[in-house]
Amino acid sequence: MIQAIAIDDESMALEVVKSHASKVPFLELIAVFTDGVEGLEYLKTNSVDLVFLDINMPDISGVELAALLPKETLVIFTTAYSDYAVQGFELDALDYLLKPFNLMRFLKACQKAQEWLELQPSREPQFIYVKTTEGQLKVRFDELMCCEATGNYVTFHLRNEKIISRSTLAEIEKSLPSFFLRTHRSYIVNMKLVEKAERHQLLIGTHPFPVSSTYQDQVMERFENN
């Protein structure tokens, strides 16, 4: 199932996208926005496969917004202005729908997205947003060595800093990709970063992280198969 959102400052245009999307069995339109900035804020904390994006919008244009999206997010531009087509494809847009577009043209664009996604390897999320006293902070998984539980708080051990969040390890674990592994009741470690495995600890650089006897066999098997 393709998960998508639509961003267009014209509510009637969004109604057309919603109507067409409801007729595409492999597409789920999970949110729509009449404000580009609100749509961008949503995408900062929510991952989608595809964005239907109007180009000519106030405050931030679709072209400007598309340049800020994660590179793996597919974009299908929707606009009434054909002179934007070249600019759209220069941003590697998957397709370009010229308003008013009918269901068959919309379906063709969706099928193109489906075919592209089926050719891609399975994609793991690249980051998580962590709630702290300073607000939501973005934590990249390629920098996150370990999550450590202490009471009602979790410490995110990054290579160059620590971030503390009021949460539980069980809650955080649900948001982590498969290469994070529980090594101890109080620790989840990024196995992609582990450089050395000893009987009771894992090493990422000079940073040691404990391995309890409960998880020892599982941890060693994962390390050997990495």
N, C-alpha and C. Protein backbone atom coordinates (compact mmCIF):
# COMPACT_ATOMS: atom_id res chain seq x y z
N MET A 1 0.84 -1.19 0.00
CA MET A 1 0.00 0.00 0.00
C MET A 1 0.88 1.25 0.00
N ILE A 2 0.63 2.14 -0.95
CA ILE A 2 1.36 3.40 -1.00
C ILE A 2 0.71 4.39 -0.04
N GLN A 3 1.48 4.97 0.85
CA GLN A 3 0.97 6.00 1.75
C GLN A 3 1.33 7.36 1.19
N ALA A 4 0.33 8.22 1.07
CA ALA A 4 0.54 9.50 0.41
C ALA A 4 -0.15 10.63 1.15
N ILE A 5 0.31 11.85 0.88
CA ILE A 5 -0.40 13.05 1.32
C ILE A 5 -0.54 13.96 0.10
N ALA A 6 -1.41 14.96 0.21
CA ALA A 6 -1.58 15.94 -0.86
C ALA A 6 -1.49 17.33 -0.26
N ILE A 7 -0.78 18.22 -0.96
CA ILE A 7 -0.63 19.61 -0.51
C ILE A 7 -1.04 20.51 -1.67
N ASP A 8 -2.07 21.34 -1.42
CA ASP A 8 -2.56 22.25 -2.46
C ASP A 8 -3.33 23.36 -1.74
N ASP A 9 -3.07 24.61 -2.10
CA ASP A 9 -3.74 25.72 -1.41
C ASP A 9 -5.21 25.86 -1.83
N GLU A 10 -5.65 25.13 -2.83
CA GLU A 10 -7.04 25.17 -3.27
C GLU A 10 -7.78 23.93 -2.75
N SER A 11 -8.77 24.15 -1.90
CA SER A 11 -9.50 23.03 -1.28
C SER A 11 -10.24 22.20 -2.33
N MET A 12 -10.73 22.84 -3.39
CA MET A 12 -11.43 22.08 -4.43
C MET A 12 -10.48 21.12 -5.14
N ALA A 13 -9.24 21.55 -5.35
CA ALA A 13 -8.25 20.67 -5.97
C ALA A 13 -7.96 19.47 -5.08
N LEU A 14 -7.92 19.69 -3.77
CA LEU A 14 -7.70 18.59 -2.84
C LEU A 14 -8.87 17.61 -2.86
N GLU A 15 -10.07 18.13 -3.04
CA GLU A 15 -11.24 17.25 -3.12
C GLU A 15 -11.15 16.33 -4.33
N VAL A 16 -10.61 16.85 -5.43
CA VAL A 16 -10.43 16.03 -6.63
C VAL A 16 -9.42 14.91 -6.36
N VAL A 17 -8.30 15.27 -5.72
CA VAL A 17 -7.28 14.27 -5.39
C VAL A 17 -7.87 13.21 -4.45
N LYS A 18 -8.63 13.66 -3.44
CA LYS A 18 -9.24 12.73 -2.49
C LYS A 18 -10.21 11.78 -3.20
N SER A 19 -11.00 12.32 -4.11
CA SER A 19 -11.96 11.50 -4.84
C SER A 19 -11.26 10.45 -5.71
N HIS A 20 -10.26 10.89 -6.45
CA HIS A 20 -9.51 9.95 -7.29
C HIS A 20 -8.79 8.91 -6.43
N ALA A 21 -8.17 9.36 -5.35
CA ALA A 21 -7.39 8.45 -4.50
C ALA A 21 -8.27 7.35 -3.90
N SER A 22 -9.52 7.69 -3.59
CA SER A 22 -10.43 6.70 -3.00
C SER A 22 -10.74 5.56 -3.95
N LYS A 23 -10.45 5.77 -5.24
CA LYS A 23 -10.74 4.75 -6.25
C LYS A 23 -9.51 3.94 -6.64
N VAL A 24 -8.36 4.24 -6.03
CA VAL A 24 -7.12 3.52 -6.32
C VAL A 24 -6.87 2.54 -5.18
N PRO A 25 -7.01 1.24 -5.40
CA PRO A 25 -6.96 0.27 -4.30
C PRO A 25 -5.61 0.16 -3.59
N PHE A 26 -4.52 0.52 -4.25
CA PHE A 26 -3.20 0.37 -3.64
C PHE A 26 -2.66 1.69 -3.08
N LEU A 27 -3.54 2.70 -3.00
CA LEU A 27 -3.13 4.02 -2.51
C LEU A 27 -3.93 4.42 -1.29
N GLU A 28 -3.24 4.88 -0.25
CA GLU A 28 -3.90 5.40 0.95
C GLU A 28 -3.51 6.87 1.11
N LEU A 29 -4.47 7.76 0.94
CA LEU A 29 -4.23 9.18 1.15
C LEU A 29 -4.48 9.48 2.62
N ILE A 30 -3.41 9.66 3.38
CA ILE A 30 -3.55 9.72 4.83
C ILE A 30 -3.74 11.13 5.37
N ALA A 31 -3.43 12.16 4.57
CA ALA A 31 -3.62 13.54 5.04
C ALA A 31 -3.59 14.48 3.85
N VAL A 32 -4.28 15.62 3.99
CA VAL A 32 -4.24 16.67 2.98
C VAL A 32 -4.01 18.01 3.68
N PHE A 33 -3.37 18.93 2.97
CA PHE A 33 -3.02 20.23 3.56
C PHE A 33 -3.24 21.33 2.53
N THR A 34 -3.84 22.44 2.98
CA THR A 34 -3.98 23.61 2.12
C THR A 34 -2.85 24.60 2.34
N ASP A 35 -1.98 24.30 3.28
CA ASP A 35 -0.85 25.17 3.60
C ASP A 35 0.44 24.38 3.44
N GLY A 36 1.35 24.88 2.60
CA GLY A 36 2.60 24.16 2.35
C GLY A 36 3.47 24.01 3.57
N VAL A 37 3.50 25.02 4.42
CA VAL A 37 4.33 24.97 5.62
C VAL A 37 3.81 23.91 6.58
N GLU A 38 2.48 23.83 6.72
CA GLU A 38 1.89 22.79 7.58
C GLU A 38 2.20 21.40 7.04
N GLY A 39 2.14 21.27 5.73
CA GLY A 39 2.47 19.98 5.13
C GLY A 39 3.91 19.60 5.39
N LEU A 40 4.81 20.57 5.29
CA LEU A 40 6.23 20.30 5.54
C LEU A 40 6.46 19.92 6.99
N GLU A 41 5.77 20.58 7.92
CA GLU A 41 5.90 20.24 9.35
C GLU A 41 5.42 18.82 9.60
N TYR A 42 4.35 18.42 8.93
CA TYR A 42 3.84 17.05 9.08
C TYR A 42 4.89 16.05 8.61
N LEU A 43 5.55 16.35 7.51
CA LEU A 43 6.53 15.43 6.94
C LEU A 43 7.80 15.33 7.78
N LYS A 44 8.02 16.28 8.66
CA LYS A 44 9.19 16.22 9.54
C LYS A 44 9.07 15.09 10.55
N THR A 45 7.84 14.72 10.88
CA THR A 45 7.63 13.69 11.90
C THR A 45 6.85 12.48 11.38
N ASN A 46 6.50 12.49 10.11
CA ASN A 46 5.75 11.38 9.54
C ASN A 46 6.35 11.01 8.18
N SER A 47 6.56 9.72 7.99
CA SER A 47 7.15 9.23 6.75
C SER A 47 6.06 8.80 5.79
N VAL A 48 6.12 9.27 4.55
CA VAL A 48 5.17 8.84 3.52
C VAL A 48 5.96 8.43 2.28
N ASP A 49 5.30 7.69 1.40
CA ASP A 49 5.94 7.25 0.16
C ASP A 49 5.84 8.30 -0.94
N LEU A 50 4.72 9.04 -0.92
CA LEU A 50 4.40 9.87 -2.07
C LEU A 50 3.71 11.16 -1.63
N VAL A 51 4.05 12.27 -2.32
CA VAL A 51 3.39 13.55 -2.08
C VAL A 51 2.83 14.08 -3.39
N PHE A 52 1.52 14.34 -3.40
CA PHE A 52 0.90 15.07 -4.50
C PHE A 52 1.03 16.55 -4.16
N LEU A 53 1.73 17.29 -4.98
CA LEU A 53 2.17 18.62 -4.57
C LEU A 53 1.86 19.67 -5.63
N ASP A 54 1.04 20.65 -5.24
CA ASP A 54 0.79 21.78 -6.11
C ASP A 54 2.04 22.65 -6.17
N ILE A 55 2.26 23.32 -7.29
CA ILE A 55 3.47 24.13 -7.44
C ILE A 55 3.24 25.58 -7.04
N ASN A 56 2.16 26.17 -7.55
CA ASN A 56 1.94 27.61 -7.34
C ASN A 56 1.15 27.83 -6.05
N MET A 57 1.87 27.96 -4.92
CA MET A 57 1.25 28.18 -3.62
C MET A 57 1.88 29.39 -2.94
N PRO A 58 1.14 30.07 -2.05
CA PRO A 58 1.72 31.20 -1.32
C PRO A 58 2.69 30.71 -0.25
N ASP A 59 3.50 31.63 0.26
CA ASP A 59 4.47 31.37 1.34
C ASP A 59 5.64 30.49 0.89
N ILE A 60 5.33 29.28 0.43
CA ILE A 60 6.38 28.40 -0.08
C ILE A 60 5.83 27.68 -1.30
N SER A 61 6.56 27.74 -2.40
CA SER A 61 6.09 27.09 -3.62
C SER A 61 6.32 25.59 -3.54
N GLY A 62 5.61 24.87 -4.39
CA GLY A 62 5.80 23.42 -4.42
C GLY A 62 7.21 23.04 -4.81
N VAL A 63 7.82 23.82 -5.69
CA VAL A 63 9.20 23.55 -6.10
C VAL A 63 10.15 23.72 -4.91
N GLU A 64 9.96 24.77 -4.14
CA GLU A 64 10.79 25.00 -2.96
C GLU A 64 10.57 23.90 -1.92
N LEU A 65 9.32 23.52 -1.73
CA LEU A 65 8.99 22.48 -0.75
C LEU A 65 9.58 21.14 -1.17
N ALA A 66 9.48 20.82 -2.46
CA ALA A 66 9.99 19.53 -2.94
C ALA A 66 11.49 19.40 -2.68
N ALA A 67 12.21 20.51 -2.76
CA ALA A 67 13.65 20.48 -2.53
C ALA A 67 14.00 20.18 -1.08
N LEU A 68 13.03 20.33 -0.18
CA LEU A 68 13.27 20.10 1.25
C LEU A 68 12.86 18.70 1.70
N LEU A 69 12.24 17.95 0.82
CA LEU A 69 11.75 16.61 1.18
C LEU A 69 12.90 15.61 1.21
N PRO A 70 12.76 14.54 2.00
CA PRO A 70 13.75 13.45 1.94
C PRO A 70 13.86 12.93 0.51
N LYS A 71 15.06 12.60 0.10
CA LYS A 71 15.28 12.24 -1.31
C LYS A 71 14.52 10.99 -1.72
N GLU A 72 14.15 10.13 -0.75
CA GLU A 72 13.44 8.90 -1.10
C GLU A 72 11.93 9.13 -1.26
N THR A 73 11.43 10.31 -0.90
CA THR A 73 10.00 10.60 -1.01
C THR A 73 9.66 10.95 -2.46
N LEU A 74 8.70 10.24 -3.04
CA LEU A 74 8.28 10.50 -4.41
C LEU A 74 7.38 11.73 -4.47
N VAL A 75 7.52 12.48 -5.54
CA VAL A 75 6.71 13.69 -5.73
C VAL A 75 6.00 13.62 -7.07
N ILE A 76 4.69 13.85 -7.04
CA ILE A 76 3.91 14.05 -8.26
C ILE A 76 3.35 15.46 -8.19
N PHE A 77 3.81 16.32 -9.08
CA PHE A 77 3.34 17.70 -9.09
C PHE A 77 1.95 17.77 -9.71
N THR A 78 1.11 18.63 -9.13
CA THR A 78 -0.22 18.91 -9.67
C THR A 78 -0.34 20.42 -9.84
N THR A 79 -0.61 20.88 -11.04
CA THR A 79 -0.66 22.32 -11.26
C THR A 79 -1.46 22.64 -12.51
N ALA A 80 -1.95 23.87 -12.58
CA ALA A 80 -2.70 24.33 -13.74
C ALA A 80 -1.79 25.00 -14.76
N TYR A 81 -0.51 25.09 -14.46
CA TYR A 81 0.41 25.85 -15.31
C TYR A 81 1.41 24.91 -15.97
N SER A 82 1.28 24.71 -17.27
CA SER A 82 2.14 23.78 -17.99
C SER A 82 3.59 24.24 -18.07
N ASP A 83 3.83 25.55 -17.91
CA ASP A 83 5.20 26.04 -18.03
C ASP A 83 6.07 25.64 -16.85
N TYR A 84 5.46 25.03 -15.83
CA TYR A 84 6.23 24.54 -14.68
C TYR A 84 6.77 23.12 -14.92
N ALA A 85 6.37 22.48 -15.98
CA ALA A 85 6.70 21.06 -16.18
C ALA A 85 8.20 20.80 -16.19
N VAL A 86 8.95 21.60 -16.95
CA VAL A 86 10.39 21.39 -17.04
C VAL A 86 11.04 21.56 -15.68
N GLN A 87 10.63 22.60 -14.95
CA GLN A 87 11.18 22.84 -13.62
C GLN A 87 10.86 21.68 -12.69
N GLY A 88 9.66 21.11 -12.84
CA GLY A 88 9.27 19.98 -12.01
C GLY A 88 10.14 18.76 -12.24
N PHE A 89 10.41 18.45 -13.51
CA PHE A 89 11.20 17.27 -13.82
C PHE A 89 12.68 17.47 -13.49
N GLU A 90 13.12 18.73 -13.44
CA GLU A 90 14.50 19.00 -13.02
C GLU A 90 14.69 18.62 -11.55
N LEU A 91 13.60 18.57 -10.78
CA LEU A 91 13.66 18.16 -9.38
C LEU A 91 13.43 16.66 -9.22
N ASP A 92 13.50 15.93 -10.32
CA ASP A 92 13.29 14.49 -10.31
C ASP A 92 11.89 14.10 -9.84
N ALA A 93 10.92 14.92 -10.18
CA ALA A 93 9.54 14.55 -9.88
C ALA A 93 9.18 13.29 -10.65
N LEU A 94 8.40 12.44 -10.03
CA LEU A 94 8.01 11.18 -10.67
C LEU A 94 7.06 11.43 -11.84
N ASP A 95 6.16 12.40 -11.66
CA ASP A 95 5.20 12.70 -12.72
C ASP A 95 4.68 14.12 -12.52
N TYR A 96 3.91 14.57 -13.51
CA TYR A 96 3.42 15.93 -13.56
C TYR A 96 1.98 15.89 -14.04
N LEU A 97 1.01 16.21 -13.17
CA LEU A 97 -0.40 16.18 -13.52
C LEU A 97 -0.89 17.60 -13.79
N LEU A 98 -1.33 17.83 -15.01
CA LEU A 98 -1.82 19.15 -15.40
C LEU A 98 -3.32 19.23 -15.13
N LYS A 99 -3.71 20.16 -14.28
CA LYS A 99 -5.13 20.33 -13.93
C LYS A 99 -5.90 20.90 -15.12
N PRO A 100 -7.16 20.47 -15.31
CA PRO A 100 -7.84 19.41 -14.54
C PRO A 100 -7.48 18.03 -15.10
N PHE A 101 -7.13 17.10 -14.23
CA PHE A 101 -6.77 15.75 -14.68
C PHE A 101 -7.87 14.78 -14.29
N ASN A 102 -8.08 13.78 -15.13
CA ASN A 102 -9.14 12.81 -14.86
C ASN A 102 -8.60 11.60 -14.09
N LEU A 103 -9.50 10.70 -13.75
CA LEU A 103 -9.11 9.54 -12.95
C LEU A 103 -8.08 8.67 -13.67
N MET A 104 -8.22 8.47 -14.96
CA MET A 104 -7.29 7.61 -15.68
C MET A 104 -5.87 8.18 -15.65
N ARG A 105 -5.75 9.49 -15.81
CA ARG A 105 -4.42 10.10 -15.76
C ARG A 105 -3.84 10.01 -14.35
N PHE A 106 -4.69 10.20 -13.35
CA PHE A 106 -4.27 10.08 -11.95
C PHE A 106 -3.81 8.65 -11.66
N LEU A 107 -4.58 7.67 -12.13
CA LEU A 107 -4.24 6.27 -11.91
C LEU A 107 -2.92 5.91 -12.56
N LYS A 108 -2.67 6.44 -13.76
CA LYS A 108 -1.42 6.17 -14.46
C LYS A 108 -0.23 6.66 -13.64
N ALA A 109 -0.37 7.85 -13.03
CA ALA A 109 0.70 8.39 -12.19
C ALA A 109 0.92 7.52 -10.95
N CYS A 110 -0.19 7.04 -10.36
CA CYS A 110 -0.09 6.18 -9.18
C CYS A 110 0.57 4.85 -9.52
N GLN A 111 0.26 4.31 -10.67
CA GLN A 111 0.88 3.05 -11.10
C GLN A 111 2.38 3.23 -11.31
N LYS A 112 2.76 4.38 -11.80
CA LYS A 112 4.18 4.67 -11.97
C LYS A 112 4.88 4.68 -10.60
N ALA A 113 4.21 5.25 -9.60
CA ALA A 113 4.76 5.26 -8.24
C ALA A 113 4.86 3.84 -7.69
N GLN A 114 3.83 3.05 -7.92
CA GLN A 114 3.83 1.66 -7.44
C GLN A 114 4.97 0.86 -8.06
N GLU A 115 5.16 1.02 -9.36
CA GLU A 115 6.23 0.30 -10.05
C GLU A 115 7.60 0.72 -9.54
N TRP A 116 7.77 2.00 -9.30
CA TRP A 116 9.06 2.50 -8.80
C TRP A 116 9.35 1.94 -7.41
N LEU A 117 8.35 1.95 -6.54
CA LEU A 117 8.54 1.47 -5.17
C LEU A 117 8.82 -0.03 -5.14
N GLU A 118 8.19 -0.78 -6.02
CA GLU A 118 8.41 -2.23 -6.05
C GLU A 118 9.83 -2.59 -6.46
N LEU A 119 10.49 -1.70 -7.18
CA LEU A 119 11.85 -1.94 -7.63
C LEU A 119 12.90 -1.57 -6.57
N GLN A 120 12.45 -0.86 -5.53
CA GLN A 120 13.39 -0.42 -4.51
C GLN A 120 13.57 -1.48 -3.44
N PRO A 121 14.77 -1.58 -2.85
CA PRO A 121 14.94 -2.47 -1.70
C PRO A 121 14.12 -1.95 -0.53
N SER A 122 13.79 -2.84 0.40
CA SER A 122 13.01 -2.41 1.56
C SER A 122 13.74 -1.28 2.27
N ARG A 123 12.98 -0.25 2.64
CA ARG A 123 13.59 0.95 3.19
C ARG A 123 13.37 1.05 4.69
N GLU A 124 14.45 1.19 5.42
CA GLU A 124 14.37 1.40 6.85
C GLU A 124 14.28 2.90 7.11
N PRO A 125 13.58 3.31 8.17
CA PRO A 125 13.59 4.73 8.53
C PRO A 125 15.00 5.19 8.88
N GLN A 126 15.30 6.46 8.67
CA GLN A 126 16.65 6.99 8.86
C GLN A 126 16.81 7.77 10.16
N PHE A 127 15.71 8.11 10.81
CA PHE A 127 15.81 8.94 12.01
C PHE A 127 14.55 8.81 12.86
N ILE A 128 14.62 9.37 14.04
CA ILE A 128 13.47 9.41 14.95
C ILE A 128 13.43 10.81 15.57
N TYR A 129 12.23 11.29 15.90
CA TYR A 129 12.10 12.54 16.63
C TYR A 129 11.89 12.22 18.10
N VAL A 130 12.68 12.87 18.95
CA VAL A 130 12.68 12.60 20.38
C VAL A 130 12.18 13.82 21.13
N LYS A 131 11.21 13.61 22.00
CA LYS A 131 10.66 14.72 22.78
C LYS A 131 11.55 15.00 23.99
N THR A 132 12.03 16.24 24.10
CA THR A 132 12.87 16.65 25.22
C THR A 132 12.33 17.95 25.80
N THR A 133 12.96 18.44 26.84
CA THR A 133 12.55 19.71 27.43
C THR A 133 12.79 20.87 26.48
N GLU A 134 13.62 20.66 25.47
CA GLU A 134 13.90 21.70 24.47
C GLU A 134 13.01 21.56 23.24
N GLY A 135 12.07 20.64 23.27
CA GLY A 135 11.21 20.38 22.12
C GLY A 135 11.59 19.10 21.42
N GLN A 136 11.08 18.90 20.22
CA GLN A 136 11.35 17.71 19.44
C GLN A 136 12.73 17.82 18.79
N LEU A 137 13.58 16.82 19.04
CA LEU A 137 14.92 16.80 18.45
C LEU A 137 15.04 15.61 17.50
N LYS A 138 15.65 15.85 16.36
CA LYS A 138 15.84 14.81 15.35
C LYS A 138 17.10 14.01 15.68
N VAL A 139 16.96 12.70 15.79
CA VAL A 139 18.10 11.81 16.09
C VAL A 139 18.28 10.87 14.91
N ARG A 140 19.40 10.98 14.24
CA ARG A 140 19.71 10.11 13.10
C ARG A 140 20.23 8.76 13.60
N PHE A 141 19.76 7.69 12.98
CA PHE A 141 20.15 6.36 13.42
C PHE A 141 21.62 6.06 13.14
N ASP A 142 22.19 6.70 12.13
CA ASP A 142 23.61 6.43 11.86
C ASP A 142 24.53 7.11 12.88
N GLU A 143 23.96 7.95 13.76
CA GLU A 143 24.72 8.58 14.85
C GLU A 143 24.38 8.00 16.21
N LEU A 144 23.27 7.27 16.28
CA LEU A 144 22.77 6.76 17.56
C LEU A 144 23.41 5.40 17.88
N MET A 145 24.24 5.38 18.91
CA MET A 145 24.91 4.14 19.31
C MET A 145 24.02 3.25 20.16
N CYS A 146 23.28 3.88 21.08
CA CYS A 146 22.57 3.08 22.08
C CYS A 146 21.48 3.90 22.74
N CYS A 147 20.45 3.21 23.22
CA CYS A 147 19.41 3.80 24.06
C CYS A 147 19.50 3.13 25.42
N GLU A 148 19.57 3.94 26.46
CA GLU A 148 19.73 3.43 27.83
C GLU A 148 18.57 3.89 28.70
N ALA A 149 17.93 2.95 29.39
CA ALA A 149 16.81 3.27 30.26
C ALA A 149 17.30 3.53 31.68
N THR A 150 16.78 4.61 32.26
CA THR A 150 17.05 4.93 33.66
C THR A 150 15.75 5.43 34.26
N GLY A 151 15.07 4.58 35.01
CA GLY A 151 13.78 4.96 35.58
C GLY A 151 12.79 5.27 34.48
N ASN A 152 12.19 6.46 34.54
CA ASN A 152 11.22 6.88 33.54
C ASN A 152 11.83 7.68 32.40
N TYR A 153 13.14 7.58 32.26
CA TYR A 153 13.83 8.34 31.22
C TYR A 153 14.67 7.40 30.35
N VAL A 154 14.88 7.84 29.11
CA VAL A 154 15.75 7.13 28.19
C VAL A 154 16.84 8.09 27.73
N THR A 155 18.10 7.64 27.82
CA THR A 155 19.22 8.43 27.33
C THR A 155 19.63 7.91 25.96
N PHE A 156 19.67 8.80 24.98
CA PHE A 156 20.10 8.45 23.63
C PHE A 156 21.58 8.80 23.53
N HIS A 157 22.41 7.77 23.44
CA HIS A 157 23.86 7.97 23.35
C HIS A 157 24.26 8.13 21.88
N LEU A 158 24.55 9.36 21.48
CA LEU A 158 25.04 9.60 20.13
C LEU A 158 26.55 9.65 20.17
N ARG A 159 27.17 9.70 19.02
CA ARG A 159 28.63 9.69 18.97
C ARG A 159 29.24 10.88 19.71
N ASN A 160 28.57 12.04 19.63
CA ASN A 160 29.16 13.25 20.19
C ASN A 160 28.32 13.95 21.24
N GLU A 161 27.19 13.35 21.61
CA GLU A 161 26.34 13.97 22.62
C GLU A 161 25.36 12.95 23.20
N LYS A 162 24.66 13.39 24.24
CA LYS A 162 23.61 12.59 24.83
C LYS A 162 22.33 13.40 24.85
N ILE A 163 21.21 12.72 24.61
CA ILE A 163 19.90 13.36 24.65
C ILE A 163 19.02 12.56 25.60
N ILE A 164 18.35 13.25 26.51
CA ILE A 164 17.52 12.58 27.50
C ILE A 164 16.05 12.89 27.23
N SER A 165 15.23 11.85 27.24
CA SER A 165 13.80 11.99 26.99
C SER A 165 13.01 11.26 28.05
N ARG A 166 11.90 11.85 28.45
CA ARG A 166 11.02 11.16 29.40
C ARG A 166 10.19 10.13 28.64
N SER A 167 10.58 8.88 28.76
CA SER A 167 9.92 7.80 28.02
C SER A 167 10.36 6.48 28.62
N THR A 168 9.90 5.40 28.04
CA THR A 168 10.34 4.07 28.46
C THR A 168 11.06 3.40 27.30
N LEU A 169 11.92 2.45 27.61
CA LEU A 169 12.66 1.75 26.56
C LEU A 169 11.71 0.96 25.66
N ALA A 170 10.65 0.43 26.24
CA ALA A 170 9.68 -0.34 25.45
C ALA A 170 9.00 0.55 24.42
N GLU A 171 8.69 1.78 24.79
CA GLU A 171 8.06 2.72 23.85
C GLU A 171 9.02 3.07 22.71
N ILE A 172 10.27 3.34 23.08
CA ILE A 172 11.27 3.72 22.08
C ILE A 172 11.56 2.56 21.13
N GLU A 173 11.60 1.35 21.67
CA GLU A 173 11.94 0.17 20.87
C GLU A 173 10.99 0.00 19.69
N LYS A 174 9.72 0.38 19.86
CA LYS A 174 8.73 0.24 18.79
C LYS A 174 9.05 1.15 17.60
N SER A 175 9.81 2.22 17.86
CA SER A 175 10.11 3.19 16.80
C SER A 175 11.47 2.97 16.15
N LEU A 176 12.21 1.97 16.61
CA LEU A 176 13.55 1.75 16.09
C LEU A 176 13.54 0.70 14.98
N PRO A 177 14.42 0.85 13.98
CA PRO A 177 14.50 -0.15 12.91
C PRO A 177 15.12 -1.45 13.40
N SER A 178 15.12 -2.45 12.55
CA SER A 178 15.48 -3.81 12.94
C SER A 178 16.94 -3.99 13.34
N PHE A 179 17.82 -3.07 12.96
CA PHE A 179 19.23 -3.25 13.31
C PHE A 179 19.56 -2.77 14.72
N PHE A 180 18.56 -2.29 15.47
CA PHE A 180 18.74 -2.03 16.89
C PHE A 180 18.29 -3.27 17.66
N LEU A 181 19.13 -3.71 18.60
CA LEU A 181 18.88 -4.97 19.29
C LEU A 181 18.99 -4.78 20.79
N ARG A 182 18.04 -5.37 21.51
CA ARG A 182 18.09 -5.35 22.98
C ARG A 182 19.26 -6.23 23.43
N THR A 183 20.15 -5.67 24.22
CA THR A 183 21.30 -6.42 24.74
C THR A 183 21.24 -6.59 26.25
N HIS A 184 20.30 -5.90 26.87
CA HIS A 184 20.20 -5.85 28.33
C HIS A 184 18.83 -5.26 28.62
N ARG A 185 18.30 -5.50 29.77
CA ARG A 185 16.97 -4.96 30.06
C ARG A 185 16.95 -3.43 30.00
N SER A 186 18.12 -2.81 30.14
CA SER A 186 18.20 -1.35 30.13
C SER A 186 18.89 -0.78 28.90
N TYR A 187 19.24 -1.64 27.92
CA TYR A 187 20.01 -1.16 26.77
C TYR A 187 19.49 -1.74 25.46
N ILE A 188 19.44 -0.88 24.44
CA ILE A 188 19.22 -1.29 23.06
C ILE A 188 20.37 -0.69 22.25
N VAL A 189 21.07 -1.52 21.49
CA VAL A 189 22.30 -1.09 20.82
C VAL A 189 22.14 -1.16 19.29
N ASN A 190 22.74 -0.19 18.62
CA ASN A 190 22.77 -0.16 17.16
C ASN A 190 23.82 -1.15 16.66
N MET A 191 23.37 -2.31 16.19
CA MET A 191 24.29 -3.37 15.80
C MET A 191 25.09 -3.01 14.54
N LYS A 192 24.60 -2.08 13.75
CA LYS A 192 25.34 -1.65 12.56
C LYS A 192 26.65 -0.95 12.93
N LEU A 193 26.69 -0.38 14.13
CA LEU A 193 27.87 0.39 14.54
C LEU A 193 28.84 -0.41 15.39
N VAL A 194 28.44 -1.60 15.82
CA VAL A 194 29.28 -2.40 16.73
C VAL A 194 30.54 -2.87 16.01
N GLU A 195 31.68 -2.60 16.61
CA GLU A 195 32.96 -2.97 16.00
C GLU A 195 33.56 -4.23 16.64
N LYS A 196 33.20 -4.51 17.87
CA LYS A 196 33.76 -5.66 18.56
C LYS A 196 32.75 -6.19 19.57
N ALA A 197 32.64 -7.52 19.64
CA ALA A 197 31.73 -8.15 20.59
C ALA A 197 32.52 -9.04 21.54
N GLU A 198 32.38 -8.76 22.82
CA GLU A 198 32.99 -9.60 23.86
C GLU A 198 31.87 -10.29 24.62
N ARG A 199 32.24 -11.16 25.51
CA ARG A 199 31.23 -11.99 26.18
C ARG A 199 30.15 -11.16 26.88
N HIS A 200 30.56 -10.10 27.55
CA HIS A 200 29.60 -9.34 28.34
C HIS A 200 29.48 -7.88 27.92
N GLN A 201 30.03 -7.54 26.74
CA GLN A 201 29.88 -6.17 26.29
C GLN A 201 30.11 -6.05 24.78
N LEU A 202 29.57 -4.97 24.23
CA LEU A 202 29.79 -4.61 22.83
C LEU A 202 30.55 -3.29 22.80
N LEU A 203 31.41 -3.15 21.80
CA LEU A 203 32.20 -1.93 21.70
C LEU A 203 31.89 -1.20 20.40
N ILE A 204 31.58 0.09 20.54
CA ILE A 204 31.46 1.00 19.40
C ILE A 204 32.54 2.06 19.62
N GLY A 205 33.61 1.94 18.88
CA GLY A 205 34.78 2.78 19.17
C GLY A 205 35.30 2.41 20.55
N THR A 206 35.42 3.40 21.42
CA THR A 206 35.87 3.14 22.79
C THR A 206 34.70 3.05 23.76
N HIS A 207 33.47 3.08 23.22
CA HIS A 207 32.28 3.08 24.09
C HIS A 207 31.80 1.65 24.33
N PRO A 208 31.82 1.16 25.58
CA PRO A 208 31.32 -0.18 25.87
C PRO A 208 29.84 -0.16 26.26
N PHE A 209 29.11 -1.18 25.84
CA PHE A 209 27.70 -1.31 26.20
C PHE A 209 27.46 -2.75 26.67
N PRO A 210 26.77 -2.93 27.80
CA PRO A 210 26.67 -4.26 28.41
C PRO A 210 25.77 -5.23 27.66
N VAL A 211 26.12 -6.50 27.79
CA VAL A 211 25.30 -7.60 27.27
C VAL A 211 25.01 -8.54 28.43
N SER A 212 23.74 -8.70 28.77
CA SER A 212 23.39 -9.60 29.87
C SER A 212 23.29 -11.03 29.37
N SER A 213 23.35 -11.96 30.27
CA SER A 213 23.31 -13.38 29.90
C SER A 213 22.00 -13.74 29.19
N THR A 214 20.93 -13.03 29.52
CA THR A 214 19.62 -13.30 28.89
C THR A 214 19.67 -13.11 27.38
N TYR A 215 20.43 -12.10 26.94
CA TYR A 215 20.45 -11.74 25.52
C TYR A 215 21.74 -12.16 24.82
N GLN A 216 22.63 -12.81 25.53
CA GLN A 216 23.97 -13.08 25.02
C GLN A 216 23.98 -13.87 23.71
N ASP A 217 23.26 -14.97 23.65
CA ASP A 217 23.26 -15.81 22.45
C ASP A 217 22.70 -15.05 21.25
N GLN A 218 21.61 -14.34 21.46
CA GLN A 218 20.98 -13.57 20.39
C GLN A 218 21.91 -12.48 19.87
N VAL A 219 22.59 -11.80 20.78
CA VAL A 219 23.49 -10.72 20.40
C VAL A 219 24.67 -11.25 19.60
N MET A 220 25.27 -12.34 20.06
CA MET A 220 26.43 -12.88 19.37
C MET A 220 26.06 -13.41 17.98
N GLU A 221 24.88 -14.00 17.86
CA GLU A 221 24.43 -14.49 16.56
C GLU A 221 24.25 -13.33 15.59
N ARG A 222 23.64 -12.24 16.07
CA ARG A 222 23.42 -11.07 15.21
C ARG A 222 24.75 -10.46 14.80
N PHE A 223 25.69 -10.35 15.76
CA PHE A 223 26.98 -9.75 15.43
C PHE A 223 27.73 -10.56 14.38
N GLU A 224 27.70 -11.86 14.52
CA GLU A 224 28.41 -12.73 13.58
C GLU A 224 27.80 -12.71 12.17
N ASN A 225 26.51 -12.41 12.12
CA ASN A 225 25.81 -12.40 10.82
C ASN A 225 25.70 -11.00 10.20
N ASN A 226 26.22 -10.00 10.89
CA ASN A 226 26.18 -8.64 10.37
C ASN A 226 27.08 -8.48 9.16
